[in-house]
Amino acid sequence: MKKLILALIVLVTFASCQEQKMGFVDNGKVINDIQEKKDIESKYDVLNESFKLRADSIGKAYQSEYQILQVQVAKMPQNKQQEAMQPFQAKAQQYQQMMQAEQQKMQTAYQADVDSVISKMKATVKDYGKANGYKFIIGTNESIGTILYGDEALDLSDLIIKEIDSKFKKQ
């Protein structure tokens, strides 16, 4: 009976000591280096630049209108000046709210696109791990030190980037 228990302990110990295939992925590197994320960045850089140009143009028009209105208001009695400025102030406030809403909409769309890329990355890592017999693939990045050291041979970041980019090119 003692030999049976000892044999069982040795067997369990041996089984638990078998080498398990592990790797890690630098999440920040993967996300920032895949082509789809780069394309998203480019798309929103163009949209953001267009937004800034339009906002600057409209802002200059408002500034010009304000200067003209100030000259006209300066000739009015004190009690009429505030009354004359109210329509312009309401219009300027409405413009500012519209621009903020548009900018918020653009930021929300950008975040949704980036979240989609992150989801694809996670799915690709999972699929890659299963297909290649990994027991664990750990994610890390610079700001959160989940892995303080990892053998470069276990870094799967470049492989995952290639895998994701190849799927993206097929779309």
N, C-alpha and C. Protein backbone atom coordinates (compact mmCIF):
# COMPACT_ATOMS: atom_id res chain seq x y z
N MET A 1 0.82 -1.19 0.00
CA MET A 1 0.00 0.00 0.00
C MET A 1 0.87 1.26 0.00
N LYS A 2 1.96 1.23 0.83
CA LYS A 2 2.87 2.37 0.88
C LYS A 2 3.54 2.58 -0.46
N LYS A 3 3.89 1.48 -1.12
CA LYS A 3 4.56 1.58 -2.43
C LYS A 3 3.60 2.16 -3.47
N LEU A 4 2.34 1.80 -3.37
CA LEU A 4 1.32 2.31 -4.29
C LEU A 4 1.15 3.83 -4.11
N ILE A 5 1.08 4.28 -2.87
CA ILE A 5 0.95 5.71 -2.57
C ILE A 5 2.20 6.45 -3.02
N LEU A 6 3.37 5.89 -2.75
CA LEU A 6 4.62 6.50 -3.16
C LEU A 6 4.70 6.58 -4.68
N ALA A 7 4.30 5.53 -5.37
CA ALA A 7 4.31 5.52 -6.83
C ALA A 7 3.34 6.57 -7.38
N LEU A 8 2.19 6.70 -6.74
CA LEU A 8 1.20 7.70 -7.15
C LEU A 8 1.75 9.11 -6.96
N ILE A 9 2.42 9.35 -5.84
CA ILE A 9 3.02 10.68 -5.59
C ILE A 9 4.09 10.98 -6.63
N VAL A 10 4.94 10.00 -6.93
CA VAL A 10 5.99 10.19 -7.94
C VAL A 10 5.36 10.46 -9.30
N LEU A 11 4.32 9.73 -9.64
CA LEU A 11 3.65 9.92 -10.93
C LEU A 11 3.03 11.31 -11.04
N VAL A 12 2.35 11.75 -10.00
CA VAL A 12 1.73 13.08 -9.98
C VAL A 12 2.80 14.16 -10.05
N THR A 13 3.88 13.99 -9.29
CA THR A 13 4.96 14.96 -9.30
C THR A 13 5.60 15.03 -10.69
N PHE A 14 5.84 13.88 -11.30
CA PHE A 14 6.44 13.84 -12.62
C PHE A 14 5.52 14.50 -13.66
N ALA A 15 4.25 14.22 -13.57
CA ALA A 15 3.28 14.79 -14.52
C ALA A 15 3.21 16.31 -14.37
N SER A 16 3.29 16.80 -13.14
CA SER A 16 3.20 18.24 -12.94
C SER A 16 4.49 18.95 -13.33
N CYS A 17 5.59 18.22 -13.40
CA CYS A 17 6.87 18.82 -13.76
C CYS A 17 7.12 18.83 -15.26
N GLN A 18 6.24 18.23 -16.03
CA GLN A 18 6.44 18.23 -17.47
C GLN A 18 6.48 19.68 -17.96
N GLU A 19 7.34 19.91 -18.91
CA GLU A 19 7.51 21.26 -19.44
C GLU A 19 6.24 21.70 -20.18
N GLN A 20 5.77 22.86 -19.82
CA GLN A 20 4.60 23.41 -20.48
C GLN A 20 5.06 24.54 -21.40
N LYS A 21 4.53 24.56 -22.59
CA LYS A 21 4.91 25.56 -23.57
C LYS A 21 4.28 26.89 -23.17
N MET A 22 5.13 27.91 -23.01
CA MET A 22 4.65 29.23 -22.58
C MET A 22 5.26 30.29 -23.48
N GLY A 23 4.62 31.43 -23.52
CA GLY A 23 5.14 32.58 -24.25
C GLY A 23 4.51 33.84 -23.70
N PHE A 24 4.98 34.97 -24.21
CA PHE A 24 4.37 36.23 -23.80
C PHE A 24 4.28 37.17 -24.99
N VAL A 25 3.39 38.12 -24.87
CA VAL A 25 3.15 39.10 -25.92
C VAL A 25 3.20 40.48 -25.30
N ASP A 26 3.93 41.39 -25.91
CA ASP A 26 3.95 42.78 -25.49
C ASP A 26 2.73 43.44 -26.13
N ASN A 27 1.65 43.59 -25.34
CA ASN A 27 0.39 44.11 -25.86
C ASN A 27 0.55 45.46 -26.54
N GLY A 28 1.29 46.37 -25.91
CA GLY A 28 1.47 47.70 -26.48
C GLY A 28 2.16 47.66 -27.83
N LYS A 29 3.20 46.86 -27.93
CA LYS A 29 3.93 46.73 -29.20
C LYS A 29 3.01 46.16 -30.28
N VAL A 30 2.29 45.10 -29.94
CA VAL A 30 1.42 44.46 -30.93
C VAL A 30 0.36 45.44 -31.41
N ILE A 31 -0.34 46.07 -30.48
CA ILE A 31 -1.42 46.99 -30.86
C ILE A 31 -0.89 48.13 -31.71
N ASN A 32 0.25 48.71 -31.32
CA ASN A 32 0.76 49.87 -32.04
C ASN A 32 1.45 49.53 -33.35
N ASP A 33 1.88 48.28 -33.53
CA ASP A 33 2.61 47.92 -34.73
C ASP A 33 1.78 47.23 -35.80
N ILE A 34 0.57 46.80 -35.49
CA ILE A 34 -0.21 46.13 -36.53
C ILE A 34 -0.77 47.16 -37.51
N GLN A 35 -0.88 46.75 -38.75
CA GLN A 35 -1.25 47.67 -39.83
C GLN A 35 -2.64 48.26 -39.65
N GLU A 36 -3.59 47.47 -39.18
CA GLU A 36 -4.95 47.98 -39.01
C GLU A 36 -4.98 49.16 -38.05
N LYS A 37 -4.22 49.07 -36.95
CA LYS A 37 -4.17 50.18 -35.98
C LYS A 37 -3.50 51.39 -36.61
N LYS A 38 -2.46 51.17 -37.38
CA LYS A 38 -1.78 52.29 -38.07
C LYS A 38 -2.75 52.97 -39.04
N ASP A 39 -3.55 52.17 -39.75
CA ASP A 39 -4.54 52.74 -40.68
C ASP A 39 -5.60 53.54 -39.93
N ILE A 40 -6.01 53.04 -38.77
CA ILE A 40 -7.00 53.77 -37.96
C ILE A 40 -6.41 55.10 -37.51
N GLU A 41 -5.16 55.08 -37.05
CA GLU A 41 -4.49 56.31 -36.63
C GLU A 41 -4.45 57.32 -37.77
N SER A 42 -4.07 56.85 -38.96
CA SER A 42 -4.01 57.74 -40.12
C SER A 42 -5.38 58.32 -40.46
N LYS A 43 -6.38 57.48 -40.44
CA LYS A 43 -7.75 57.92 -40.74
C LYS A 43 -8.18 59.03 -39.78
N TYR A 44 -7.96 58.82 -38.49
CA TYR A 44 -8.40 59.81 -37.51
C TYR A 44 -7.49 61.03 -37.46
N ASP A 45 -6.24 60.89 -37.86
CA ASP A 45 -5.37 62.06 -37.99
C ASP A 45 -5.92 63.00 -39.07
N VAL A 46 -6.33 62.42 -40.19
CA VAL A 46 -6.90 63.21 -41.29
C VAL A 46 -8.21 63.86 -40.84
N LEU A 47 -9.08 63.08 -40.19
CA LEU A 47 -10.35 63.62 -39.72
C LEU A 47 -10.14 64.73 -38.69
N ASN A 48 -9.18 64.53 -37.80
CA ASN A 48 -8.89 65.51 -36.76
C ASN A 48 -8.32 66.79 -37.37
N GLU A 49 -7.46 66.65 -38.35
CA GLU A 49 -6.88 67.83 -39.01
C GLU A 49 -7.98 68.61 -39.75
N SER A 50 -8.87 67.90 -40.42
CA SER A 50 -10.00 68.53 -41.11
C SER A 50 -10.88 69.26 -40.11
N PHE A 51 -11.14 68.63 -38.98
CA PHE A 51 -11.95 69.24 -37.92
C PHE A 51 -11.29 70.53 -37.42
N LYS A 52 -9.98 70.48 -37.18
CA LYS A 52 -9.26 71.65 -36.68
C LYS A 52 -9.30 72.80 -37.69
N LEU A 53 -9.10 72.48 -38.97
CA LEU A 53 -9.14 73.51 -40.00
C LEU A 53 -10.52 74.17 -40.07
N ARG A 54 -11.57 73.34 -40.02
CA ARG A 54 -12.93 73.88 -40.06
C ARG A 54 -13.22 74.71 -38.81
N ALA A 55 -12.78 74.23 -37.66
CA ALA A 55 -13.00 74.96 -36.40
C ALA A 55 -12.26 76.29 -36.43
N ASP A 56 -11.03 76.28 -36.93
CA ASP A 56 -10.26 77.53 -37.03
C ASP A 56 -10.93 78.51 -37.97
N SER A 57 -11.40 78.02 -39.10
CA SER A 57 -12.06 78.88 -40.09
C SER A 57 -13.33 79.51 -39.50
N ILE A 58 -14.14 78.69 -38.86
CA ILE A 58 -15.38 79.20 -38.25
C ILE A 58 -15.03 80.14 -37.09
N GLY A 59 -14.01 79.79 -36.32
CA GLY A 59 -13.58 80.64 -35.21
C GLY A 59 -13.14 82.02 -35.69
N LYS A 60 -12.43 82.06 -36.80
CA LYS A 60 -12.00 83.35 -37.37
C LYS A 60 -13.21 84.16 -37.83
N ALA A 61 -14.19 83.48 -38.42
CA ALA A 61 -15.40 84.17 -38.87
C ALA A 61 -16.14 84.76 -37.66
N TYR A 62 -16.22 83.99 -36.57
CA TYR A 62 -16.86 84.49 -35.35
C TYR A 62 -16.07 85.66 -34.77
N GLN A 63 -14.76 85.55 -34.79
CA GLN A 63 -13.92 86.64 -34.26
C GLN A 63 -14.15 87.92 -35.06
N SER A 64 -14.22 87.79 -36.37
CA SER A 64 -14.46 88.95 -37.23
C SER A 64 -15.84 89.55 -36.95
N GLU A 65 -16.84 88.68 -36.86
CA GLU A 65 -18.20 89.13 -36.56
C GLU A 65 -18.25 89.82 -35.19
N TYR A 66 -17.52 89.28 -34.22
CA TYR A 66 -17.48 89.84 -32.88
C TYR A 66 -16.86 91.24 -32.89
N GLN A 67 -15.78 91.40 -33.63
CA GLN A 67 -15.13 92.71 -33.69
C GLN A 67 -16.04 93.76 -34.32
N ILE A 68 -16.75 93.38 -35.37
CA ILE A 68 -17.71 94.29 -36.01
C ILE A 68 -18.82 94.65 -35.04
N LEU A 69 -19.31 93.63 -34.34
CA LEU A 69 -20.39 93.85 -33.37
C LEU A 69 -19.92 94.75 -32.22
N GLN A 70 -18.69 94.60 -31.78
CA GLN A 70 -18.16 95.44 -30.71
C GLN A 70 -18.12 96.91 -31.12
N VAL A 71 -17.75 97.16 -32.36
CA VAL A 71 -17.72 98.54 -32.86
C VAL A 71 -19.14 99.11 -32.86
N GLN A 72 -20.10 98.32 -33.31
CA GLN A 72 -21.49 98.78 -33.35
C GLN A 72 -22.05 98.99 -31.94
N VAL A 73 -21.72 98.06 -31.04
CA VAL A 73 -22.24 98.12 -29.67
C VAL A 73 -21.65 99.29 -28.91
N ALA A 74 -20.42 99.63 -29.21
CA ALA A 74 -19.75 100.73 -28.51
C ALA A 74 -20.49 102.04 -28.72
N LYS A 75 -21.23 102.16 -29.79
CA LYS A 75 -21.97 103.39 -30.10
C LYS A 75 -23.34 103.41 -29.42
N MET A 76 -23.72 102.32 -28.81
CA MET A 76 -25.05 102.21 -28.20
C MET A 76 -25.00 102.65 -26.73
N PRO A 77 -26.17 102.99 -26.20
CA PRO A 77 -26.22 103.28 -24.76
C PRO A 77 -25.90 102.01 -23.96
N GLN A 78 -25.43 102.19 -22.74
CA GLN A 78 -25.00 101.09 -21.88
C GLN A 78 -26.07 100.01 -21.71
N ASN A 79 -27.30 100.41 -21.49
CA ASN A 79 -28.37 99.44 -21.25
C ASN A 79 -28.71 98.62 -22.51
N LYS A 80 -28.38 99.09 -23.70
CA LYS A 80 -28.67 98.37 -24.94
C LYS A 80 -27.50 97.46 -25.38
N GLN A 81 -26.33 97.72 -24.84
CA GLN A 81 -25.14 96.95 -25.26
C GLN A 81 -25.29 95.46 -24.95
N GLN A 82 -25.68 95.15 -23.73
CA GLN A 82 -25.83 93.74 -23.32
C GLN A 82 -26.90 93.05 -24.17
N GLU A 83 -27.97 93.78 -24.40
CA GLU A 83 -29.07 93.24 -25.19
C GLU A 83 -28.62 92.95 -26.62
N ALA A 84 -27.79 93.80 -27.18
CA ALA A 84 -27.30 93.63 -28.55
C ALA A 84 -26.31 92.46 -28.64
N MET A 85 -25.58 92.17 -27.57
CA MET A 85 -24.57 91.10 -27.58
C MET A 85 -25.18 89.71 -27.34
N GLN A 86 -26.36 89.64 -26.74
CA GLN A 86 -26.94 88.35 -26.38
C GLN A 86 -27.14 87.40 -27.57
N PRO A 87 -27.67 87.84 -28.70
CA PRO A 87 -27.83 86.91 -29.82
C PRO A 87 -26.49 86.33 -30.31
N PHE A 88 -25.47 87.18 -30.33
CA PHE A 88 -24.15 86.69 -30.75
C PHE A 88 -23.61 85.69 -29.74
N GLN A 89 -23.73 85.97 -28.47
CA GLN A 89 -23.23 85.06 -27.43
C GLN A 89 -23.96 83.71 -27.49
N ALA A 90 -25.26 83.75 -27.72
CA ALA A 90 -26.03 82.51 -27.82
C ALA A 90 -25.58 81.71 -29.04
N LYS A 91 -25.35 82.40 -30.15
CA LYS A 91 -24.89 81.75 -31.37
C LYS A 91 -23.50 81.14 -31.16
N ALA A 92 -22.61 81.87 -30.50
CA ALA A 92 -21.25 81.38 -30.23
C ALA A 92 -21.30 80.17 -29.30
N GLN A 93 -22.16 80.20 -28.30
CA GLN A 93 -22.29 79.07 -27.38
C GLN A 93 -22.83 77.83 -28.10
N GLN A 94 -23.79 78.04 -28.98
CA GLN A 94 -24.36 76.94 -29.75
C GLN A 94 -23.28 76.32 -30.65
N TYR A 95 -22.47 77.17 -31.28
CA TYR A 95 -21.38 76.69 -32.12
C TYR A 95 -20.40 75.86 -31.29
N GLN A 96 -20.04 76.36 -30.11
CA GLN A 96 -19.09 75.67 -29.25
C GLN A 96 -19.64 74.30 -28.83
N GLN A 97 -20.91 74.23 -28.49
CA GLN A 97 -21.52 72.96 -28.11
C GLN A 97 -21.54 71.98 -29.29
N MET A 98 -21.82 72.50 -30.48
CA MET A 98 -21.85 71.66 -31.67
C MET A 98 -20.45 71.08 -31.95
N MET A 99 -19.43 71.91 -31.81
CA MET A 99 -18.07 71.45 -32.06
C MET A 99 -17.64 70.43 -31.01
N GLN A 100 -18.02 70.63 -29.76
CA GLN A 100 -17.68 69.68 -28.71
C GLN A 100 -18.38 68.34 -28.96
N ALA A 101 -19.63 68.39 -29.39
CA ALA A 101 -20.38 67.16 -29.67
C ALA A 101 -19.75 66.41 -30.84
N GLU A 102 -19.32 67.14 -31.85
CA GLU A 102 -18.68 66.51 -33.01
C GLU A 102 -17.35 65.87 -32.62
N GLN A 103 -16.60 66.58 -31.79
CA GLN A 103 -15.32 66.05 -31.34
C GLN A 103 -15.54 64.80 -30.47
N GLN A 104 -16.53 64.84 -29.61
CA GLN A 104 -16.85 63.68 -28.76
C GLN A 104 -17.26 62.48 -29.62
N LYS A 105 -18.05 62.74 -30.65
CA LYS A 105 -18.48 61.68 -31.55
C LYS A 105 -17.28 61.04 -32.24
N MET A 106 -16.35 61.87 -32.67
CA MET A 106 -15.15 61.38 -33.33
C MET A 106 -14.29 60.55 -32.36
N GLN A 107 -14.16 61.00 -31.12
CA GLN A 107 -13.39 60.26 -30.11
C GLN A 107 -14.05 58.92 -29.79
N THR A 108 -15.36 58.89 -29.73
CA THR A 108 -16.09 57.65 -29.45
C THR A 108 -15.90 56.66 -30.60
N ALA A 109 -15.97 57.15 -31.83
CA ALA A 109 -15.77 56.28 -32.99
C ALA A 109 -14.34 55.74 -33.02
N TYR A 110 -13.37 56.59 -32.71
CA TYR A 110 -11.97 56.16 -32.66
C TYR A 110 -11.80 55.06 -31.62
N GLN A 111 -12.34 55.27 -30.44
CA GLN A 111 -12.20 54.28 -29.37
C GLN A 111 -12.86 52.96 -29.75
N ALA A 112 -14.00 53.02 -30.43
CA ALA A 112 -14.67 51.80 -30.87
C ALA A 112 -13.80 51.05 -31.87
N ASP A 113 -13.16 51.77 -32.78
CA ASP A 113 -12.27 51.14 -33.77
C ASP A 113 -11.07 50.50 -33.08
N VAL A 114 -10.48 51.20 -32.12
CA VAL A 114 -9.33 50.65 -31.39
C VAL A 114 -9.75 49.44 -30.56
N ASP A 115 -10.91 49.51 -29.92
CA ASP A 115 -11.41 48.37 -29.15
C ASP A 115 -11.60 47.14 -30.04
N SER A 116 -12.04 47.37 -31.26
CA SER A 116 -12.21 46.28 -32.22
C SER A 116 -10.86 45.63 -32.53
N VAL A 117 -9.83 46.44 -32.71
CA VAL A 117 -8.48 45.93 -32.98
C VAL A 117 -7.98 45.13 -31.78
N ILE A 118 -8.22 45.62 -30.58
CA ILE A 118 -7.79 44.92 -29.37
C ILE A 118 -8.49 43.56 -29.26
N SER A 119 -9.78 43.53 -29.57
CA SER A 119 -10.52 42.27 -29.55
C SER A 119 -9.95 41.28 -30.56
N LYS A 120 -9.63 41.79 -31.75
CA LYS A 120 -9.03 40.92 -32.78
C LYS A 120 -7.68 40.39 -32.33
N MET A 121 -6.90 41.25 -31.67
CA MET A 121 -5.59 40.83 -31.18
C MET A 121 -5.74 39.71 -30.16
N LYS A 122 -6.66 39.88 -29.21
CA LYS A 122 -6.87 38.85 -28.19
C LYS A 122 -7.31 37.53 -28.82
N ALA A 123 -8.21 37.61 -29.78
CA ALA A 123 -8.69 36.40 -30.45
C ALA A 123 -7.55 35.72 -31.22
N THR A 124 -6.72 36.51 -31.87
CA THR A 124 -5.59 35.97 -32.62
C THR A 124 -4.59 35.29 -31.70
N VAL A 125 -4.30 35.91 -30.57
CA VAL A 125 -3.37 35.31 -29.59
C VAL A 125 -3.94 33.98 -29.11
N LYS A 126 -5.21 33.97 -28.79
CA LYS A 126 -5.86 32.74 -28.31
C LYS A 126 -5.79 31.65 -29.38
N ASP A 127 -6.15 31.99 -30.62
CA ASP A 127 -6.11 31.02 -31.72
C ASP A 127 -4.68 30.53 -31.97
N TYR A 128 -3.74 31.45 -31.94
CA TYR A 128 -2.34 31.10 -32.16
C TYR A 128 -1.86 30.15 -31.07
N GLY A 129 -2.20 30.45 -29.84
CA GLY A 129 -1.80 29.60 -28.72
C GLY A 129 -2.36 28.20 -28.83
N LYS A 130 -3.63 28.10 -29.17
CA LYS A 130 -4.25 26.78 -29.32
C LYS A 130 -3.62 26.01 -30.48
N ALA A 131 -3.44 26.68 -31.61
CA ALA A 131 -2.91 26.02 -32.81
C ALA A 131 -1.46 25.56 -32.63
N ASN A 132 -0.71 26.23 -31.76
CA ASN A 132 0.70 25.92 -31.61
C ASN A 132 1.05 25.25 -30.27
N GLY A 133 0.05 24.79 -29.56
CA GLY A 133 0.27 24.00 -28.36
C GLY A 133 0.76 24.75 -27.14
N TYR A 134 0.44 26.02 -27.04
CA TYR A 134 0.84 26.79 -25.86
C TYR A 134 -0.14 26.54 -24.72
N LYS A 135 0.41 26.40 -23.52
CA LYS A 135 -0.42 26.29 -22.33
C LYS A 135 -0.77 27.68 -21.81
N PHE A 136 0.18 28.61 -21.94
CA PHE A 136 -0.01 29.98 -21.49
C PHE A 136 0.62 30.95 -22.48
N ILE A 137 -0.07 32.02 -22.75
CA ILE A 137 0.51 33.18 -23.42
C ILE A 137 0.12 34.36 -22.55
N ILE A 138 1.11 34.99 -21.99
CA ILE A 138 0.89 36.07 -21.03
C ILE A 138 1.07 37.40 -21.74
N GLY A 139 0.18 38.34 -21.44
CA GLY A 139 0.28 39.68 -22.02
C GLY A 139 1.01 40.61 -21.07
N THR A 140 1.80 41.50 -21.63
CA THR A 140 2.52 42.48 -20.83
C THR A 140 2.57 43.80 -21.58
N ASN A 141 2.89 44.86 -20.86
CA ASN A 141 3.14 46.15 -21.49
C ASN A 141 4.04 46.97 -20.58
N GLU A 142 4.45 48.14 -21.03
CA GLU A 142 5.41 48.94 -20.28
C GLU A 142 4.85 49.50 -18.98
N SER A 143 3.60 49.88 -18.97
CA SER A 143 3.05 50.55 -17.79
C SER A 143 2.68 49.60 -16.66
N ILE A 144 2.33 48.36 -17.00
CA ILE A 144 1.98 47.38 -15.98
C ILE A 144 2.98 46.24 -16.09
N GLY A 145 3.81 46.09 -15.09
CA GLY A 145 4.87 45.10 -15.13
C GLY A 145 4.43 43.71 -14.77
N THR A 146 3.62 43.07 -15.60
CA THR A 146 3.21 41.71 -15.32
C THR A 146 4.35 40.74 -15.55
N ILE A 147 5.23 41.05 -16.49
CA ILE A 147 6.43 40.25 -16.72
C ILE A 147 7.61 41.20 -16.61
N LEU A 148 8.44 40.95 -15.63
CA LEU A 148 9.61 41.81 -15.45
C LEU A 148 10.78 41.32 -16.28
N TYR A 149 10.79 40.03 -16.59
CA TYR A 149 11.81 39.47 -17.46
C TYR A 149 11.20 38.33 -18.24
N GLY A 150 11.57 38.25 -19.49
CA GLY A 150 11.16 37.12 -20.31
C GLY A 150 12.22 36.84 -21.34
N ASP A 151 12.56 35.59 -21.50
CA ASP A 151 13.53 35.19 -22.51
C ASP A 151 12.99 35.62 -23.87
N GLU A 152 13.84 36.25 -24.65
CA GLU A 152 13.43 36.75 -25.97
C GLU A 152 12.84 35.64 -26.84
N ALA A 153 13.28 34.41 -26.62
CA ALA A 153 12.76 33.29 -27.41
C ALA A 153 11.29 33.03 -27.11
N LEU A 154 10.81 33.50 -25.97
CA LEU A 154 9.41 33.30 -25.61
C LEU A 154 8.52 34.47 -26.02
N ASP A 155 9.13 35.55 -26.55
CA ASP A 155 8.36 36.74 -26.97
C ASP A 155 7.70 36.46 -28.31
N LEU A 156 6.40 36.39 -28.31
CA LEU A 156 5.62 36.07 -29.51
C LEU A 156 5.08 37.32 -30.20
N SER A 157 5.45 38.50 -29.74
CA SER A 157 4.88 39.75 -30.24
C SER A 157 4.98 39.87 -31.76
N ASP A 158 6.17 39.67 -32.31
CA ASP A 158 6.36 39.82 -33.76
C ASP A 158 5.56 38.78 -34.55
N LEU A 159 5.49 37.56 -34.02
CA LEU A 159 4.69 36.52 -34.69
C LEU A 159 3.21 36.89 -34.71
N ILE A 160 2.74 37.43 -33.61
CA ILE A 160 1.32 37.82 -33.51
C ILE A 160 1.04 39.00 -34.45
N ILE A 161 1.97 39.95 -34.52
CA ILE A 161 1.79 41.09 -35.45
C ILE A 161 1.67 40.57 -36.88
N LYS A 162 2.55 39.66 -37.27
CA LYS A 162 2.50 39.09 -38.64
C LYS A 162 1.18 38.36 -38.87
N GLU A 163 0.74 37.61 -37.88
CA GLU A 163 -0.51 36.85 -37.98
C GLU A 163 -1.70 37.81 -38.18
N ILE A 164 -1.77 38.85 -37.38
CA ILE A 164 -2.88 39.81 -37.48
C ILE A 164 -2.82 40.57 -38.81
N ASP A 165 -1.62 41.01 -39.19
CA ASP A 165 -1.48 41.74 -40.46
C ASP A 165 -1.86 40.87 -41.66
N SER A 166 -1.53 39.59 -41.61
CA SER A 166 -1.89 38.73 -42.73
C SER A 166 -3.41 38.58 -42.82
N LYS A 167 -4.09 38.53 -41.67
CA LYS A 167 -5.56 38.47 -41.68
C LYS A 167 -6.15 39.79 -42.18
N PHE A 168 -5.53 40.90 -41.79
CA PHE A 168 -6.02 42.22 -42.17
C PHE A 168 -5.87 42.44 -43.68
N LYS A 169 -4.78 41.98 -44.26
CA LYS A 169 -4.55 42.13 -45.70
C LYS A 169 -5.56 41.34 -46.52
N LYS A 170 -6.05 40.24 -45.97
CA LYS A 170 -7.03 39.41 -46.68
C LYS A 170 -8.41 40.05 -46.74
N GLN A 171 -8.65 41.02 -45.83
CA GLN A 171 -9.99 41.64 -45.77
C GLN A 171 -10.23 42.56 -46.92
